Amino acid sequence: MLPLIGALGGGAWGAWIAKKRGGGRADMAQYGAGFAIFWGLIGVVAAIWLAR
């Protein structure tokens, strides 16, 4: 559950940051993908840590 929340939240956050900085659709997609991957991985680590 945590990885999914992290990926969705990170993707939305990344797209919002790109839009705030004046980026186009491609910039929003790239920022969204990068943030989604990063926060999804943080969610995986947190889920493993909590399960132990």
Protein backbone atom coordinates (compact mmCIF):
# COMPACT_ATOMS: atom_id res chain seq x y z
CA MET A 1 0.00 0.00 0.00
CA LEU A 2 2.80 2.41 0.87
CA PRO A 3 4.55 2.08 -2.51
CA LEU A 4 1.31 2.81 -4.34
CA ILE A 5 0.58 5.86 -2.21
CA GLY A 6 4.16 7.05 -2.62
CA ALA A 7 4.13 6.61 -6.38
CA LEU A 8 0.77 8.34 -6.91
CA GLY A 9 1.54 11.16 -4.52
CA GLY A 10 5.04 11.62 -5.90
CA GLY A 11 3.79 11.69 -9.47
CA ALA A 12 1.21 14.34 -8.68
CA TRP A 13 3.73 16.35 -6.70
CA GLY A 14 6.31 16.18 -9.50
CA ALA A 15 3.81 17.29 -12.13
CA TRP A 16 2.70 20.15 -9.90
CA ILE A 17 6.30 21.31 -9.40
CA ALA A 18 6.98 21.22 -13.14
CA LYS A 19 3.81 23.21 -13.85
CA LYS A 20 4.71 25.73 -11.14
CA ARG A 21 8.10 26.23 -12.79
CA GLY A 22 6.46 26.93 -16.15
CA GLY A 23 7.10 23.57 -17.79
CA GLY A 24 5.08 22.05 -20.59
CA ARG A 25 3.35 18.70 -20.76
CA ALA A 26 6.58 16.80 -21.41
CA ASP A 27 8.25 18.45 -18.41
CA MET A 28 5.28 17.59 -16.22
CA ALA A 29 5.41 13.97 -17.40
CA GLN A 30 9.15 13.70 -16.78
CA TYR A 31 9.02 15.28 -13.33
CA GLY A 32 5.97 13.17 -12.47
CA ALA A 33 7.70 9.96 -13.54
CA GLY A 34 10.89 10.79 -11.67
CA PHE A 35 9.12 11.70 -8.46
CA ALA A 36 6.82 8.66 -8.75
CA ILE A 37 9.80 6.31 -9.07
CA PHE A 38 11.63 7.95 -6.18
CA TRP A 39 8.70 8.02 -3.75
CA GLY A 40 7.57 4.56 -4.84
CA LEU A 41 10.98 3.19 -3.91
CA ILE A 42 10.86 5.02 -0.59
CA GLY A 43 7.46 3.39 -0.03
CA VAL A 44 8.89 -0.07 -0.78
CA VAL A 45 11.70 0.46 1.71
CA ALA A 46 9.25 1.73 4.34
CA ALA A 47 6.91 -1.24 3.77
CA ILE A 48 9.76 -3.73 4.13
CA TRP A 49 10.98 -1.97 7.25
CA LEU A 50 7.50 -1.98 8.80
CA ALA A 51 6.96 -5.65 7.95
CA ARG A 52 10.12 -6.72 9.75
